[in-house]
Amino acid sequence: QVQLVESGGGLVQAGGSLRLSCAASGRTFSVYKMGWFRQAPGKEHEFVAEVGWRSGSTYHANSVKGRFTISRDNAKNTVYLQMNSLKLEDTAVYYCAAAVSSQYDNWGQGTQVSVSS
């Protein structure tokens, strides 16, 4: 089991930036990849970005490519999501997730990101 705690959410104006952090604990040695997902009110759960825990390879959804960057610090067991040029449609609860296999099976509690005009 891997425990995940997100932080860094908040209220920001459109065009601004935020950095989310996700601290992992527990069986972190078993993590294969970590990712960020989000869910806006009335919308489906959406993949945002992921990073290979050992490889460091990254993948970003088209909706955030060029604006968001996922990264990880293995020494701190932490993954980050740098969000720049935020848009109103980025408003959502952002969740951190860890996969010990091919599927994400450990989830954080979520952190609210609100973008205002």
Protein backbone atom coordinates (compact mmCIF):
# COMPACT_ATOMS: atom_id res chain seq x y z
CA GLN A 1 0.00 0.00 0.00
CA VAL A 2 1.18 3.49 -0.86
CA GLN A 3 -0.19 6.53 0.95
CA LEU A 4 -0.43 9.80 -0.97
CA VAL A 5 -0.94 13.32 0.34
CA GLU A 6 -1.48 16.22 -2.06
CA SER A 7 -0.86 19.88 -1.33
CA GLY A 8 -0.53 23.16 -3.16
CA GLY A 9 -4.04 23.73 -4.44
CA GLY A 10 -5.80 27.06 -4.12
CA LEU A 11 -7.41 29.97 -5.90
CA VAL A 12 -5.55 31.67 -8.73
CA GLN A 13 -6.44 34.09 -11.49
CA ALA A 14 -6.51 32.96 -15.10
CA GLY A 15 -3.02 33.07 -16.56
CA GLY A 16 -1.43 32.41 -13.19
CA SER A 17 0.55 29.46 -11.89
CA LEU A 18 0.35 26.87 -9.14
CA ARG A 19 2.53 23.93 -8.16
CA LEU A 20 0.95 20.83 -6.72
CA SER A 21 2.93 18.37 -4.64
CA CYS A 22 2.19 14.77 -3.78
CA ALA A 23 4.15 13.09 -1.01
CA ALA A 24 4.23 9.29 -1.08
CA SER A 25 4.86 6.99 1.87
CA GLY A 26 4.59 3.30 2.60
CA ARG A 27 5.67 0.78 -0.03
CA THR A 28 7.16 3.39 -2.35
CA PHE A 29 9.77 0.93 -3.58
CA SER A 30 6.98 -0.88 -5.40
CA VAL A 31 5.78 2.17 -7.35
CA TYR A 32 5.96 1.83 -11.12
CA LYS A 33 4.55 5.21 -12.12
CA MET A 34 2.74 8.18 -10.60
CA GLY A 35 0.21 10.47 -12.13
CA TRP A 36 -2.18 13.36 -11.73
CA PHE A 37 -5.87 13.24 -12.54
CA ARG A 38 -8.60 15.80 -12.13
CA GLN A 39 -12.36 15.98 -11.88
CA ALA A 40 -14.39 19.09 -12.47
CA PRO A 41 -18.01 19.43 -11.27
CA GLY A 42 -20.33 17.50 -13.55
CA LYS A 43 -17.47 16.09 -15.60
CA GLU A 44 -15.71 12.77 -15.79
CA HIS A 45 -12.46 11.89 -14.12
CA GLU A 46 -9.68 13.08 -16.48
CA PHE A 47 -6.07 12.00 -16.86
CA VAL A 48 -3.63 14.94 -16.67
CA ALA A 49 -0.06 13.62 -16.64
CA GLU A 50 2.14 10.76 -15.47
CA VAL A 51 5.79 10.03 -14.80
CA GLY A 52 7.71 6.77 -14.65
CA TRP A 53 8.99 6.44 -11.12
CA ARG A 54 12.36 4.96 -12.11
CA SER A 55 12.63 6.03 -15.74
CA GLY A 56 11.45 9.60 -15.29
CA SER A 57 9.69 9.47 -18.63
CA THR A 58 6.64 11.70 -18.77
CA TYR A 59 3.36 11.89 -20.63
CA HIS A 60 0.93 14.81 -20.60
CA ALA A 61 -2.65 15.02 -21.81
CA ASN A 62 -3.15 17.19 -24.89
CA SER A 63 -5.35 19.56 -22.88
CA VAL A 64 -2.41 20.55 -20.65
CA LYS A 65 0.60 19.95 -22.91
CA GLY A 66 2.86 22.98 -22.99
CA ARG A 67 1.28 24.45 -19.85
CA PHE A 68 1.65 21.75 -17.18
CA THR A 69 4.79 19.81 -16.31
CA ILE A 70 4.99 16.70 -14.15
CA SER A 71 8.22 15.85 -12.36
CA ARG A 72 9.40 13.68 -9.49
CA ASP A 73 12.00 13.72 -6.75
CA ASN A 74 12.74 10.12 -5.81
CA ALA A 75 14.83 11.13 -2.80
CA LYS A 76 11.81 12.93 -1.35
CA ASN A 77 9.25 10.41 -2.64
CA THR A 78 7.39 13.36 -4.10
CA VAL A 79 5.82 14.11 -7.45
CA TYR A 80 5.00 17.62 -8.62
CA LEU A 81 2.68 19.21 -11.12
CA GLN A 82 3.75 22.68 -12.23
CA MET A 83 0.74 24.40 -13.74
CA ASN A 84 1.29 27.56 -15.79
CA SER A 85 -1.04 29.68 -17.91
CA LEU A 86 -4.01 28.38 -15.97
CA LYS A 87 -7.41 28.59 -17.62
CA LEU A 88 -10.91 28.67 -16.18
CA GLU A 89 -11.44 25.12 -17.46
CA ASP A 90 -8.56 23.87 -15.32
CA THR A 91 -10.76 24.33 -12.25
CA ALA A 92 -11.13 20.89 -10.66
CA VAL A 93 -10.16 18.65 -7.79
CA TYR A 94 -6.72 17.29 -8.60
CA TYR A 95 -5.81 13.79 -7.46
CA CYS A 96 -2.42 12.16 -7.19
CA ALA A 97 -2.21 8.45 -7.96
CA ALA A 98 0.41 5.72 -7.79
CA ALA A 99 0.57 2.49 -9.74
CA VAL A 100 2.43 -0.56 -8.51
CA SER A 101 1.38 -2.44 -11.63
CA SER A 102 0.01 -1.16 -14.92
CA GLN A 103 -3.06 0.36 -13.29
CA TYR A 104 -3.40 3.14 -10.76
CA ASP A 105 -4.46 1.57 -7.48
CA ASN A 106 -3.45 4.10 -4.84
CA TRP A 107 -5.09 7.52 -4.64
CA GLY A 108 -4.72 10.69 -2.62
CA GLN A 109 -7.58 12.63 -1.10
CA GLY A 110 -7.45 15.39 -3.71
CA THR A 111 -6.71 19.10 -3.66
CA GLN A 112 -8.95 21.85 -5.05
CA VAL A 113 -7.66 24.13 -7.80
CA SER A 114 -9.90 27.06 -8.66
CA VAL A 115 -9.14 29.45 -11.51
CA SER A 116 -10.98 32.78 -11.55
CA SER A 117 -11.39 35.33 -14.34
